[in-house]
């Protein structure tokens, strides 16, 4: 019966790993994707200083006579291909302005944001943007499907649909027929 005993080492290791994960793991926070720069980079400049010490010669053994110190200084410039930098920055700025235009309507209608110091920058960006009435932009017709269905019913009065049939409740003493096994 020795072979029926369970080995709990794997379970213990799993519990320890999960405990460590809960202690050291940080939560994943959502990012605000619509106001960032969308990876717009025009180019990069990289400065690097290297210091190398070589203590061996070409034969593979060390000697103090062949010890050399090298110092290198390098500048690297990378230019990314694609649209030019000016157009990319204008596109990012345009996306931010469009988003502000959408949001300033809500910001200007809420007077409590003016007094909240956390929203000072947003309020300053939205100052001067006149709020518009959202209902002006919406169409007058509410439900096109109902209008089309009404026209169809008027043109075809003999057609049976779910709307023009009248269902009647059976009387209280009505007995349902038994199902047949045909």
C-alpha atoms as a PDB file:
ATOM      1  CA  UNK A   1       0.000   0.000   0.000  1.00  0.00           C
ATOM      2  CA  UNK A   2       3.028   2.254  -0.099  1.00  0.00           C
ATOM      3  CA  UNK A   3       2.419   3.120  -3.749  1.00  0.00           C
ATOM      4  CA  UNK A   4      -0.999   4.679  -2.947  1.00  0.00           C
ATOM      5  CA  UNK A   5       0.458   7.462  -0.808  1.00  0.00           C
ATOM      6  CA  UNK A   6       0.404  10.922  -2.355  1.00  0.00           C
ATOM      7  CA  UNK A   7       3.462  13.055  -2.663  1.00  0.00           C
ATOM      8  CA  UNK A   8       2.608  16.584  -1.547  1.00  0.00           C
ATOM      9  CA  UNK A   9       5.901  18.217  -2.594  1.00  0.00           C
ATOM     10  CA  UNK A  10       4.486  19.470  -5.892  1.00  0.00           C
ATOM     11  CA  UNK A  11       1.456  20.939  -4.116  1.00  0.00           C
ATOM     12  CA  UNK A  12       3.699  22.656  -1.571  1.00  0.00           C
ATOM     13  CA  UNK A  13       5.909  24.137  -4.322  1.00  0.00           C
ATOM     14  CA  UNK A  14       2.822  25.338  -6.187  1.00  0.00           C
ATOM     15  CA  UNK A  15       1.415  27.020  -3.063  1.00  0.00           C
ATOM     16  CA  UNK A  16       4.757  28.715  -2.371  1.00  0.00           C
ATOM     17  CA  UNK A  17       5.007  29.956  -5.965  1.00  0.00           C
ATOM     18  CA  UNK A  18       1.475  31.368  -5.893  1.00  0.00           C
ATOM     19  CA  UNK A  19       2.168  33.036  -2.545  1.00  0.00           C
ATOM     20  CA  UNK A  20       5.320  34.662  -3.924  1.00  0.00           C
ATOM     21  CA  UNK A  21       3.421  35.761  -7.006  1.00  0.00           C
ATOM     22  CA  UNK A  22       0.770  37.510  -4.916  1.00  0.00           C
ATOM     23  CA  UNK A  23       3.433  39.204  -2.792  1.00  0.00           C
ATOM     24  CA  UNK A  24       5.679  40.509  -5.575  1.00  0.00           C
ATOM     25  CA  UNK A  25       3.265  40.967  -8.490  1.00  0.00           C
ATOM     26  CA  UNK A  26       1.840  44.388  -9.251  1.00  0.00           C
ATOM     27  CA  UNK A  27      -1.618  44.968 -10.697  1.00  0.00           C
ATOM     28  CA  UNK A  28      -2.001  45.790 -14.371  1.00  0.00           C
ATOM     29  CA  UNK A  29      -3.364  49.292 -14.791  1.00  0.00           C
ATOM     30  CA  UNK A  30      -5.154  50.427 -17.951  1.00  0.00           C
ATOM     31  CA  UNK A  31      -3.402  52.895 -20.204  1.00  0.00           C
ATOM     32  CA  UNK A  32      -4.975  55.908 -21.800  1.00  0.00           C
ATOM     33  CA  UNK A  33      -4.266  55.084 -25.444  1.00  0.00           C
ATOM     34  CA  UNK A  34      -6.069  57.862 -27.269  1.00  0.00           C
ATOM     35  CA  UNK A  35      -3.961  60.804 -26.069  1.00  0.00           C
ATOM     36  CA  UNK A  36      -0.504  59.330 -26.486  1.00  0.00           C
ATOM     37  CA  UNK A  37       1.905  59.911 -29.340  1.00  0.00           C
ATOM     38  CA  UNK A  38       1.258  56.544 -31.045  1.00  0.00           C
ATOM     39  CA  UNK A  39       4.955  55.728 -31.202  1.00  0.00           C
ATOM     40  CA  UNK A  40       5.915  58.837 -33.168  1.00  0.00           C
ATOM     41  CA  UNK A  41       9.679  59.073 -33.094  1.00  0.00           C
ATOM     42  CA  UNK A  42      11.617  61.170 -35.543  1.00  0.00           C
ATOM     43  CA  UNK A  43      15.037  59.843 -34.689  1.00  0.00           C
ATOM     44  CA  UNK A  44      17.372  58.998 -31.834  1.00  0.00           C
ATOM     45  CA  UNK A  45      20.846  60.143 -30.879  1.00  0.00           C
ATOM     46  CA  UNK A  46      22.914  57.774 -28.762  1.00  0.00           C
ATOM     47  CA  UNK A  47      26.192  58.700 -27.023  1.00  0.00           C
ATOM     48  CA  UNK A  48      28.439  55.917 -25.776  1.00  0.00           C
ATOM     49  CA  UNK A  49      31.850  55.716 -24.073  1.00  0.00           C
ATOM     50  CA  UNK A  50      33.544  52.332 -23.917  1.00  0.00           C
ATOM     51  CA  UNK A  51      36.585  51.359 -21.896  1.00  0.00           C
ATOM     52  CA  UNK A  52      38.318  48.085 -22.805  1.00  0.00           C
ATOM     53  CA  UNK A  53      41.221  46.391 -21.086  1.00  0.00           C
ATOM     54  CA  UNK A  54      43.084  43.672 -22.940  1.00  0.00           C
ATOM     55  CA  UNK A  55      45.530  41.635 -20.927  1.00  0.00           C
ATOM     56  CA  UNK A  56      46.467  38.804 -23.258  1.00  0.00           C
ATOM     57  CA  UNK A  57      48.380  38.584 -26.482  1.00  0.00           C
ATOM     58  CA  UNK A  58      47.574  36.579 -29.585  1.00  0.00           C
ATOM     59  CA  UNK A  59      49.213  33.371 -28.373  1.00  0.00           C
ATOM     60  CA  UNK A  60      46.674  32.975 -25.593  1.00  0.00           C
ATOM     61  CA  UNK A  61      48.744  33.582 -22.461  1.00  0.00           C
ATOM     62  CA  UNK A  62      48.837  36.649 -20.286  1.00  0.00           C
ATOM     63  CA  UNK A  63      51.729  39.004 -19.974  1.00  0.00           C
ATOM     64  CA  UNK A  64      51.978  42.420 -18.450  1.00  0.00           C
ATOM     65  CA  UNK A  65      53.866  43.763 -21.476  1.00  0.00           C
ATOM     66  CA  UNK A  66      50.895  43.329 -23.813  1.00  0.00           C
ATOM     67  CA  UNK A  67      48.333  45.025 -21.585  1.00  0.00           C
ATOM     68  CA  UNK A  68      46.365  47.667 -23.528  1.00  0.00           C
ATOM     69  CA  UNK A  69      43.647  50.081 -22.572  1.00  0.00           C
ATOM     70  CA  UNK A  70      41.274  51.323 -25.222  1.00  0.00           C
ATOM     71  CA  UNK A  71      38.726  54.069 -24.831  1.00  0.00           C
ATOM     72  CA  UNK A  72      36.153  54.646 -27.523  1.00  0.00           C
ATOM     73  CA  UNK A  73      33.638  57.433 -27.845  1.00  0.00           C
ATOM     74  CA  UNK A  74      30.822  56.986 -30.363  1.00  0.00           C
ATOM     75  CA  UNK A  75      27.791  58.968 -31.442  1.00  0.00           C
ATOM     76  CA  UNK A  76      24.977  57.117 -33.197  1.00  0.00           C
ATOM     77  CA  UNK A  77      22.045  58.774 -34.983  1.00  0.00           C
ATOM     78  CA  UNK A  78      19.056  56.749 -36.141  1.00  0.00           C
ATOM     79  CA  UNK A  79      16.466  58.169 -38.528  1.00  0.00           C
ATOM     80  CA  UNK A  80      13.227  56.219 -38.739  1.00  0.00           C
ATOM     81  CA  UNK A  81      11.641  55.709 -42.130  1.00  0.00           C
ATOM     82  CA  UNK A  82       8.033  56.556 -42.873  1.00  0.00           C
ATOM     83  CA  UNK A  83       6.244  59.886 -42.811  1.00  0.00           C
ATOM     84  CA  UNK A  84       8.294  62.914 -42.004  1.00  0.00           C
ATOM     85  CA  UNK A  85       8.567  64.146 -38.442  1.00  0.00           C
ATOM     86  CA  UNK A  86       6.505  67.300 -38.979  1.00  0.00           C
ATOM     87  CA  UNK A  87       3.535  65.382 -40.427  1.00  0.00           C
ATOM     88  CA  UNK A  88       3.642  62.801 -37.633  1.00  0.00           C
ATOM     89  CA  UNK A  89       3.658  65.469 -34.932  1.00  0.00           C
ATOM     90  CA  UNK A  90       0.803  67.336 -36.650  1.00  0.00           C
ATOM     91  CA  UNK A  91      -1.243  64.112 -36.801  1.00  0.00           C
ATOM     92  CA  UNK A  92      -0.729  63.504 -33.080  1.00  0.00           C
ATOM     93  CA  UNK A  93      -1.675  67.075 -32.283  1.00  0.00           C
ATOM     94  CA  UNK A  94      -4.761  66.805 -34.494  1.00  0.00           C
ATOM     95  CA  UNK A  95      -5.883  63.609 -32.726  1.00  0.00           C
ATOM     96  CA  UNK A  96      -5.477  65.308 -29.351  1.00  0.00           C
ATOM     97  CA  UNK A  97      -7.434  68.368 -30.497  1.00  0.00           C
ATOM     98  CA  UNK A  98     -10.268  66.212 -31.850  1.00  0.00           C
ATOM     99  CA  UNK A  99     -10.475  64.370 -28.557  1.00  0.00           C
ATOM    100  CA  UNK A 100     -10.489  67.635 -26.637  1.00  0.00           C
ATOM    101  CA  UNK A 101     -13.236  68.967 -28.891  1.00  0.00           C
ATOM    102  CA  UNK A 102     -15.377  65.940 -28.017  1.00  0.00           C
ATOM    103  CA  UNK A 103     -14.657  66.149 -24.298  1.00  0.00           C
ATOM    104  CA  UNK A 104     -14.793  69.942 -23.822  1.00  0.00           C
ATOM    105  CA  UNK A 105     -18.565  69.848 -24.241  1.00  0.00           C
ATOM    106  CA  UNK A 106     -18.812  67.718 -21.087  1.00  0.00           C
ATOM    107  CA  UNK A 107     -16.145  69.682 -19.234  1.00  0.00           C
ATOM    108  CA  UNK A 108     -17.751  73.072 -19.855  1.00  0.00           C
ATOM    109  CA  UNK A 109     -21.188  71.788 -18.806  1.00  0.00           C
ATOM    110  CA  UNK A 110     -19.803  70.638 -15.434  1.00  0.00           C
ATOM    111  CA  UNK A 111     -18.964  73.755 -13.379  1.00  0.00           C
ATOM    112  CA  UNK A 112     -17.528  71.763 -10.478  1.00  0.00           C
ATOM    113  CA  UNK A 113     -14.444  70.865 -12.553  1.00  0.00           C
ATOM    114  CA  UNK A 114     -13.318  74.511 -12.472  1.00  0.00           C
ATOM    115  CA  UNK A 115     -12.802  74.287  -8.713  1.00  0.00           C
ATOM    116  CA  UNK A 116     -11.017  70.923  -8.752  1.00  0.00           C
ATOM    117  CA  UNK A 117      -7.249  71.440  -9.044  1.00  0.00           C
ATOM    118  CA  UNK A 118      -6.771  67.969 -10.583  1.00  0.00           C
ATOM    119  CA  UNK A 119      -8.598  69.165 -13.708  1.00  0.00           C
ATOM    120  CA  UNK A 120      -6.920  72.597 -13.985  1.00  0.00           C
ATOM    121  CA  UNK A 121      -5.075  71.768 -17.206  1.00  0.00           C
ATOM    122  CA  UNK A 122      -8.165  70.246 -18.831  1.00  0.00           C
ATOM    123  CA  UNK A 123     -10.308  73.240 -17.856  1.00  0.00           C
ATOM    124  CA  UNK A 124      -7.677  75.639 -19.221  1.00  0.00           C
ATOM    125  CA  UNK A 125      -7.568  73.744 -22.546  1.00  0.00           C
ATOM    126  CA  UNK A 126     -11.366  73.752 -22.823  1.00  0.00           C
ATOM    127  CA  UNK A 127     -11.796  77.418 -21.904  1.00  0.00           C
ATOM    128  CA  UNK A 128     -13.364  79.257 -24.824  1.00  0.00           C
ATOM    129  CA  UNK A 129     -14.821  76.150 -26.483  1.00  0.00           C
ATOM    130  CA  UNK A 130     -18.552  76.764 -26.810  1.00  0.00           C
ATOM    131  CA  UNK A 131     -20.661  73.724 -25.874  1.00  0.00           C
ATOM    132  CA  UNK A 132     -23.102  72.585 -28.508  1.00  0.00           C
ATOM    133  CA  UNK A 133     -26.414  70.875 -28.080  1.00  0.00           C
ATOM    134  CA  UNK A 134     -26.012  67.208 -28.961  1.00  0.00           C
ATOM    135  CA  UNK A 135     -29.685  66.843 -29.874  1.00  0.00           C
ATOM    136  CA  UNK A 136     -29.312  69.249 -32.808  1.00  0.00           C
ATOM    137  CA  UNK A 137     -27.052  66.810 -34.638  1.00  0.00           C
ATOM    138  CA  UNK A 138     -29.313  63.805 -34.256  1.00  0.00           C
ATOM    139  CA  UNK A 139     -31.946  62.922 -36.868  1.00  0.00           C
ATOM    140  CA  UNK A 140     -35.616  63.561 -36.196  1.00  0.00           C
ATOM    141  CA  UNK A 141     -36.717  60.022 -37.112  1.00  0.00           C
ATOM    142  CA  UNK A 142     -36.271  57.771 -34.134  1.00  0.00           C
ATOM    143  CA  UNK A 143     -36.896  54.316 -35.559  1.00  0.00           C
ATOM    144  CA  UNK A 144     -36.657  53.719 -39.287  1.00  0.00           C
ATOM    145  CA  UNK A 145     -37.584  50.035 -38.916  1.00  0.00           C
ATOM    146  CA  UNK A 146     -40.970  50.851 -37.396  1.00  0.00           C
ATOM    147  CA  UNK A 147     -41.684  53.344 -40.166  1.00  0.00           C
ATOM    148  CA  UNK A 148     -40.787  50.840 -42.890  1.00  0.00           C
ATOM    149  CA  UNK A 149     -42.862  48.132 -41.241  1.00  0.00           C
ATOM    150  CA  UNK A 150     -45.867  50.439 -40.937  1.00  0.00           C
ATOM    151  CA  UNK A 151     -45.644  51.309 -44.651  1.00  0.00           C
ATOM    152  CA  UNK A 152     -45.414  47.615 -45.524  1.00  0.00           C
ATOM    153  CA  UNK A 153     -48.446  46.758 -43.410  1.00  0.00           C
ATOM    154  CA  UNK A 154     -50.478  49.513 -45.072  1.00  0.00           C
ATOM    155  CA  UNK A 155     -49.489  48.305 -48.544  1.00  0.00           C
ATOM    156  CA  UNK A 156     -50.128  44.601 -47.725  1.00  0.00           C
ATOM    157  CA  UNK A 157     -53.055  44.346 -45.288  1.00  0.00           C
ATOM    158  CA  UNK A 158     -53.652  40.629 -45.946  1.00  0.00           C
ATOM    159  CA  UNK A 159     -50.154  39.552 -44.834  1.00  0.00           C
ATOM    160  CA  UNK A 160     -49.988  38.016 -41.385  1.00  0.00           C
ATOM    161  CA  UNK A 161     -47.161  39.190 -39.170  1.00  0.00           C
ATOM    162  CA  UNK A 162     -46.578  39.013 -35.475  1.00  0.00           C
ATOM    163  CA  UNK A 163     -48.024  42.496 -35.017  1.00  0.00           C
ATOM    164  CA  UNK A 164     -51.368  42.110 -36.803  1.00  0.00           C
ATOM    165  CA  UNK A 165     -52.411  38.735 -35.372  1.00  0.00           C
ATOM    166  CA  UNK A 166     -54.479  38.652 -32.256  1.00  0.00           C
ATOM    167  CA  UNK A 167     -53.761  35.861 -29.880  1.00  0.00           C
ATOM    168  CA  UNK A 168     -56.586  34.834 -27.599  1.00  0.00           C
ATOM    169  CA  UNK A 169     -56.250  33.138 -24.287  1.00  0.00           C
ATOM    170  CA  UNK A 170     -58.040  29.788 -24.062  1.00  0.00           C
ATOM    171  CA  UNK A 171     -60.886  29.494 -21.568  1.00  0.00           C
ATOM    172  CA  UNK A 172     -60.088  28.369 -18.048  1.00  0.00           C
ATOM    173  CA  UNK A 173     -61.658  24.932 -18.453  1.00  0.00           C
ATOM    174  CA  UNK A 174     -59.870  24.243 -21.776  1.00  0.00           C
ATOM    175  CA  UNK A 175     -58.082  20.884 -21.793  1.00  0.00           C
ATOM    176  CA  UNK A 176     -54.968  20.641 -23.895  1.00  0.00           C
ATOM    177  CA  UNK A 177     -54.873  17.697 -26.346  1.00  0.00           C
ATOM    178  CA  UNK A 178     -52.549  14.863 -25.482  1.00  0.00           C
ATOM    179  CA  UNK A 179     -49.459  14.455 -27.687  1.00  0.00           C
ATOM    180  CA  UNK A 180     -49.499  11.531 -30.070  1.00  0.00           C
ATOM    181  CA  UNK A 181     -46.635   9.170 -30.808  1.00  0.00           C
ATOM    182  CA  UNK A 182     -47.065   9.115 -34.580  1.00  0.00           C
END
